[in-house]
Amino acid sequence: MTVNEYNDCVNQFSDGVYRFVLKHIKCTEKASDVVQDVFLKMWEKVDTISFEKGKSYLFTAANHTMIDEIRKTQIHQRFVTAKPMENNYENTYNDIYEVLNKAMEHLPTDQKTMLMLRAYEGDCYEEIAEVTGLSESQVKVYIFRARTYLKKHLVTIENLV
């Protein structure tokens, strides 16, 4: 990959990679750091990556780097004590988008990743399989399970009220 092709990859895919990471991590600073790490990794291997595989490499590296960051955060959160939430009317928010995001947080990381690549990025099953390293049929199974969970979760009245 040439320097110009690398710059084209940055211009074309940086927003998509950032959205993908931000949706998982929910912190703009950490998401920016992960994206920056991903582009640094790509720059270090710029001689071994072809331009055609740039998008696949970026999303694969973003997925792995994001998982590492999530694991570090989870280890850190074990030592932080959480305050119990109060159940009063002011703390309740009935926006369906918020309910959907909360439901997606209950999905396993693999299912959430694949569903987001499919729904938000518009990737085909073949591209998702390439990014995640799974077979195309396994990607379809994970996405089906994620959608089934979301349908069941969103149908219950307790989750919408």
C-alpha atoms as a PDB file:
ATOM      1  CA  MET A   1       0.000   0.000   0.000  1.00  0.00           C
ATOM      2  CA  THR A   2       1.350   3.418  -0.894  1.00  0.00           C
ATOM      3  CA  VAL A   3       1.143   6.517   1.269  1.00  0.00           C
ATOM      4  CA  ASN A   4      -1.632   7.916  -0.937  1.00  0.00           C
ATOM      5  CA  GLU A   5      -3.609   4.694  -0.631  1.00  0.00           C
ATOM      6  CA  TYR A   6      -3.126   4.782   3.150  1.00  0.00           C
ATOM      7  CA  ASN A   7      -4.446   8.348   3.201  1.00  0.00           C
ATOM      8  CA  ASP A   8      -7.414   7.255   1.086  1.00  0.00           C
ATOM      9  CA  CYS A   9      -8.161   4.506   3.646  1.00  0.00           C
ATOM     10  CA  VAL A  10      -8.034   7.078   6.429  1.00  0.00           C
ATOM     11  CA  ASN A  11     -10.396   9.395   4.561  1.00  0.00           C
ATOM     12  CA  GLN A  12     -12.833   6.661   3.554  1.00  0.00           C
ATOM     13  CA  PHE A  13     -13.047   4.537   6.691  1.00  0.00           C
ATOM     14  CA  SER A  14     -12.079   6.636   9.714  1.00  0.00           C
ATOM     15  CA  ASP A  15     -15.655   7.749  10.423  1.00  0.00           C
ATOM     16  CA  GLY A  16     -17.038   4.228  10.118  1.00  0.00           C
ATOM     17  CA  VAL A  17     -14.348   2.737  12.348  1.00  0.00           C
ATOM     18  CA  TYR A  18     -14.895   5.496  14.921  1.00  0.00           C
ATOM     19  CA  ARG A  19     -18.689   4.935  14.957  1.00  0.00           C
ATOM     20  CA  PHE A  20     -18.161   1.189  15.270  1.00  0.00           C
ATOM     21  CA  VAL A  21     -15.809   1.570  18.248  1.00  0.00           C
ATOM     22  CA  LEU A  22     -17.817   4.346  19.906  1.00  0.00           C
ATOM     23  CA  LYS A  23     -20.994   2.259  19.801  1.00  0.00           C
ATOM     24  CA  HIS A  24     -19.242  -0.415  21.863  1.00  0.00           C
ATOM     25  CA  ILE A  25     -17.114   1.672  24.204  1.00  0.00           C
ATOM     26  CA  LYS A  26     -19.475   4.653  24.764  1.00  0.00           C
ATOM     27  CA  CYS A  27     -16.598   7.017  25.593  1.00  0.00           C
ATOM     28  CA  THR A  28     -15.445   9.456  22.931  1.00  0.00           C
ATOM     29  CA  GLU A  29     -11.903   9.775  24.300  1.00  0.00           C
ATOM     30  CA  LYS A  30     -11.333   6.020  24.520  1.00  0.00           C
ATOM     31  CA  ALA A  31     -12.915   5.487  21.108  1.00  0.00           C
ATOM     32  CA  SER A  32     -10.602   8.109  19.595  1.00  0.00           C
ATOM     33  CA  ASP A  33      -7.613   6.412  21.232  1.00  0.00           C
ATOM     34  CA  VAL A  34      -8.632   3.016  19.866  1.00  0.00           C
ATOM     35  CA  VAL A  35      -9.101   4.410  16.350  1.00  0.00           C
ATOM     36  CA  GLN A  36      -5.754   6.147  16.554  1.00  0.00           C
ATOM     37  CA  ASP A  37      -4.107   2.886  17.678  1.00  0.00           C
ATOM     38  CA  VAL A  38      -5.737   1.060  14.783  1.00  0.00           C
ATOM     39  CA  PHE A  39      -4.440   3.522  12.211  1.00  0.00           C
ATOM     40  CA  LEU A  40      -1.003   3.389  13.839  1.00  0.00           C
ATOM     41  CA  LYS A  41      -1.019  -0.416  13.547  1.00  0.00           C
ATOM     42  CA  MET A  42      -2.011  -0.089   9.913  1.00  0.00           C
ATOM     43  CA  TRP A  43       0.762   2.416   9.273  1.00  0.00           C
ATOM     44  CA  GLU A  44       3.324   0.069  10.831  1.00  0.00           C
ATOM     45  CA  LYS A  45       2.198  -2.703   8.455  1.00  0.00           C
ATOM     46  CA  VAL A  46       1.519  -0.488   5.441  1.00  0.00           C
ATOM     47  CA  ASP A  47       4.000  -2.454   3.321  1.00  0.00           C
ATOM     48  CA  THR A  48       2.265  -5.791   3.934  1.00  0.00           C
ATOM     49  CA  ILE A  49      -1.373  -4.692   3.472  1.00  0.00           C
ATOM     50  CA  SER A  50      -2.932  -4.280   0.067  1.00  0.00           C
ATOM     51  CA  PHE A  51      -5.253  -1.352  -0.575  1.00  0.00           C
ATOM     52  CA  GLU A  52      -8.155  -3.701  -1.366  1.00  0.00           C
ATOM     53  CA  LYS A  53      -7.882  -5.257   2.111  1.00  0.00           C
ATOM     54  CA  GLY A  54      -7.635  -1.897   3.898  1.00  0.00           C
ATOM     55  CA  LYS A  55     -11.233  -1.785   5.140  1.00  0.00           C
ATOM     56  CA  SER A  56     -11.138  -5.371   6.305  1.00  0.00           C
ATOM     57  CA  TYR A  57      -7.856  -4.811   8.124  1.00  0.00           C
ATOM     58  CA  LEU A  58      -9.117  -1.641   9.815  1.00  0.00           C
ATOM     59  CA  PHE A  59     -12.331  -3.184  11.131  1.00  0.00           C
ATOM     60  CA  THR A  60     -10.560  -6.366  12.218  1.00  0.00           C
ATOM     61  CA  ALA A  61      -7.880  -4.419  14.058  1.00  0.00           C
ATOM     62  CA  ALA A  62     -10.534  -2.119  15.540  1.00  0.00           C
ATOM     63  CA  ASN A  63     -12.504  -5.113  16.762  1.00  0.00           C
ATOM     64  CA  HIS A  64      -9.474  -6.689  18.459  1.00  0.00           C
ATOM     65  CA  THR A  65      -8.201  -3.425  19.935  1.00  0.00           C
ATOM     66  CA  MET A  66     -11.695  -2.546  21.158  1.00  0.00           C
ATOM     67  CA  ILE A  67     -12.064  -5.935  22.864  1.00  0.00           C
ATOM     68  CA  ASP A  68      -8.739  -5.402  24.621  1.00  0.00           C
ATOM     69  CA  GLU A  69      -9.897  -1.975  25.787  1.00  0.00           C
ATOM     70  CA  ILE A  70     -13.219  -3.354  27.022  1.00  0.00           C
ATOM     71  CA  ARG A  71     -11.414  -6.076  28.970  1.00  0.00           C
ATOM     72  CA  LYS A  72      -9.117  -3.505  30.589  1.00  0.00           C
ATOM     73  CA  THR A  73     -12.126  -1.394  31.523  1.00  0.00           C
ATOM     74  CA  GLN A  74     -13.993  -4.375  32.985  1.00  0.00           C
ATOM     75  CA  ILE A  75     -11.005  -5.326  35.117  1.00  0.00           C
ATOM     76  CA  HIS A  76     -10.791  -1.745  36.377  1.00  0.00           C
ATOM     77  CA  GLN A  77     -14.532  -1.596  37.115  1.00  0.00           C
ATOM     78  CA  ARG A  78     -14.342  -4.628  39.392  1.00  0.00           C
ATOM     79  CA  PHE A  79     -12.564  -2.478  41.937  1.00  0.00           C
ATOM     80  CA  VAL A  80     -15.013   0.399  41.747  1.00  0.00           C
ATOM     81  CA  THR A  81     -18.091   0.147  43.947  1.00  0.00           C
ATOM     82  CA  ALA A  82     -21.317   1.085  42.265  1.00  0.00           C
ATOM     83  CA  LYS A  83     -24.039   3.097  43.913  1.00  0.00           C
ATOM     84  CA  PRO A  84     -27.511   1.577  43.810  1.00  0.00           C
ATOM     85  CA  MET A  85     -29.895   3.378  41.476  1.00  0.00           C
ATOM     86  CA  GLU A  86     -33.056   4.858  42.846  1.00  0.00           C
ATOM     87  CA  ASN A  87     -36.276   3.960  41.066  1.00  0.00           C
ATOM     88  CA  ASN A  88     -38.134   7.198  40.823  1.00  0.00           C
ATOM     89  CA  TYR A  89     -39.908   8.848  37.927  1.00  0.00           C
ATOM     90  CA  GLU A  90     -37.206  11.433  37.194  1.00  0.00           C
ATOM     91  CA  ASN A  91     -34.618   8.712  36.447  1.00  0.00           C
ATOM     92  CA  THR A  92     -36.839   6.973  33.904  1.00  0.00           C
ATOM     93  CA  TYR A  93     -36.574   7.866  30.239  1.00  0.00           C
ATOM     94  CA  ASN A  94     -38.932   6.290  27.716  1.00  0.00           C
ATOM     95  CA  ASP A  95     -37.132   6.826  24.451  1.00  0.00           C
ATOM     96  CA  ILE A  96     -37.173   3.701  22.256  1.00  0.00           C
ATOM     97  CA  TYR A  97     -33.646   4.444  21.037  1.00  0.00           C
ATOM     98  CA  GLU A  98     -32.402   4.380  24.621  1.00  0.00           C
ATOM     99  CA  VAL A  99     -34.266   1.125  25.263  1.00  0.00           C
ATOM    100  CA  LEU A 100     -32.710  -0.384  22.157  1.00  0.00           C
ATOM    101  CA  ASN A 101     -29.213   0.677  23.224  1.00  0.00           C
ATOM    102  CA  LYS A 102     -29.735  -0.816  26.684  1.00  0.00           C
ATOM    103  CA  ALA A 103     -30.973  -4.041  25.119  1.00  0.00           C
ATOM    104  CA  MET A 104     -27.930  -4.168  22.844  1.00  0.00           C
ATOM    105  CA  GLU A 105     -25.645  -3.870  25.860  1.00  0.00           C
ATOM    106  CA  HIS A 106     -26.999  -7.213  27.094  1.00  0.00           C
ATOM    107  CA  LEU A 107     -25.929  -8.957  23.897  1.00  0.00           C
ATOM    108  CA  PRO A 108     -22.679 -10.925  23.875  1.00  0.00           C
ATOM    109  CA  THR A 109     -19.823  -8.957  22.346  1.00  0.00           C
ATOM    110  CA  ASP A 110     -19.645 -11.137  19.220  1.00  0.00           C
ATOM    111  CA  GLN A 111     -23.349 -10.774  18.459  1.00  0.00           C
ATOM    112  CA  LYS A 112     -23.295  -7.056  19.150  1.00  0.00           C
ATOM    113  CA  THR A 113     -20.273  -6.545  16.899  1.00  0.00           C
ATOM    114  CA  MET A 114     -21.774  -8.428  13.989  1.00  0.00           C
ATOM    115  CA  LEU A 115     -25.186  -6.806  14.342  1.00  0.00           C
ATOM    116  CA  MET A 116     -23.608  -3.362  14.367  1.00  0.00           C
ATOM    117  CA  LEU A 117     -21.457  -4.104  11.329  1.00  0.00           C
ATOM    118  CA  ARG A 118     -24.561  -5.306   9.512  1.00  0.00           C
ATOM    119  CA  ALA A 119     -27.043  -2.635  10.652  1.00  0.00           C
ATOM    120  CA  TYR A 120     -24.925   0.492  11.099  1.00  0.00           C
ATOM    121  CA  GLU A 121     -22.102  -0.028   8.627  1.00  0.00           C
ATOM    122  CA  GLY A 122     -24.157  -1.905   6.022  1.00  0.00           C
ATOM    123  CA  ASP A 123     -21.542  -4.608   5.567  1.00  0.00           C
ATOM    124  CA  CYS A 124     -22.521  -7.833   3.837  1.00  0.00           C
ATOM    125  CA  TYR A 125     -22.156 -11.194   5.565  1.00  0.00           C
ATOM    126  CA  GLU A 126     -18.982 -11.959   3.641  1.00  0.00           C
ATOM    127  CA  GLU A 127     -17.299  -8.733   4.814  1.00  0.00           C
ATOM    128  CA  ILE A 128     -18.361  -9.356   8.415  1.00  0.00           C
ATOM    129  CA  ALA A 129     -16.971 -12.893   8.226  1.00  0.00           C
ATOM    130  CA  GLU A 130     -13.689 -11.507   6.960  1.00  0.00           C
ATOM    131  CA  VAL A 131     -13.516  -8.917   9.754  1.00  0.00           C
ATOM    132  CA  THR A 132     -14.391 -11.331  12.549  1.00  0.00           C
ATOM    133  CA  GLY A 133     -12.573 -14.373  11.231  1.00  0.00           C
ATOM    134  CA  LEU A 134     -15.690 -16.565  11.361  1.00  0.00           C
ATOM    135  CA  SER A 135     -17.510 -18.398   8.610  1.00  0.00           C
ATOM    136  CA  GLU A 136     -20.317 -16.662   6.764  1.00  0.00           C
ATOM    137  CA  SER A 137     -22.886 -19.121   8.125  1.00  0.00           C
ATOM    138  CA  GLN A 138     -21.726 -18.505  11.703  1.00  0.00           C
ATOM    139  CA  VAL A 139     -22.073 -14.756  11.150  1.00  0.00           C
ATOM    140  CA  LYS A 140     -25.650 -15.295   9.993  1.00  0.00           C
ATOM    141  CA  VAL A 141     -26.378 -17.387  13.093  1.00  0.00           C
ATOM    142  CA  TYR A 142     -24.973 -14.725  15.441  1.00  0.00           C
ATOM    143  CA  ILE A 143     -26.947 -11.952  13.746  1.00  0.00           C
ATOM    144  CA  PHE A 144     -30.118 -14.048  13.812  1.00  0.00           C
ATOM    145  CA  ARG A 145     -29.677 -14.745  17.535  1.00  0.00           C
ATOM    146  CA  ALA A 146     -29.029 -11.079  18.271  1.00  0.00           C
ATOM    147  CA  ARG A 147     -32.126  -9.990  16.365  1.00  0.00           C
ATOM    148  CA  THR A 148     -34.227 -12.668  18.056  1.00  0.00           C
ATOM    149  CA  TYR A 149     -33.056 -11.516  21.483  1.00  0.00           C
ATOM    150  CA  LEU A 150     -33.803  -7.883  20.648  1.00  0.00           C
ATOM    151  CA  LYS A 151     -37.294  -8.760  19.388  1.00  0.00           C
ATOM    152  CA  LYS A 152     -38.106 -10.675  22.559  1.00  0.00           C
ATOM    153  CA  HIS A 153     -36.592  -7.997  24.767  1.00  0.00           C
ATOM    154  CA  LEU A 154     -38.371  -5.107  23.075  1.00  0.00           C
ATOM    155  CA  VAL A 155     -41.789  -6.777  23.074  1.00  0.00           C
ATOM    156  CA  THR A 156     -42.103  -6.889  26.865  1.00  0.00           C
ATOM    157  CA  ILE A 157     -43.984  -3.933  28.272  1.00  0.00           C
ATOM    158  CA  GLU A 158     -41.650  -3.582  31.270  1.00  0.00           C
ATOM    159  CA  ASN A 159     -38.792  -2.657  28.961  1.00  0.00           C
ATOM    160  CA  LEU A 160     -40.773  -0.016  27.110  1.00  0.00           C
ATOM    161  CA  VAL A 161     -42.327   1.698  30.109  1.00  0.00           C
END
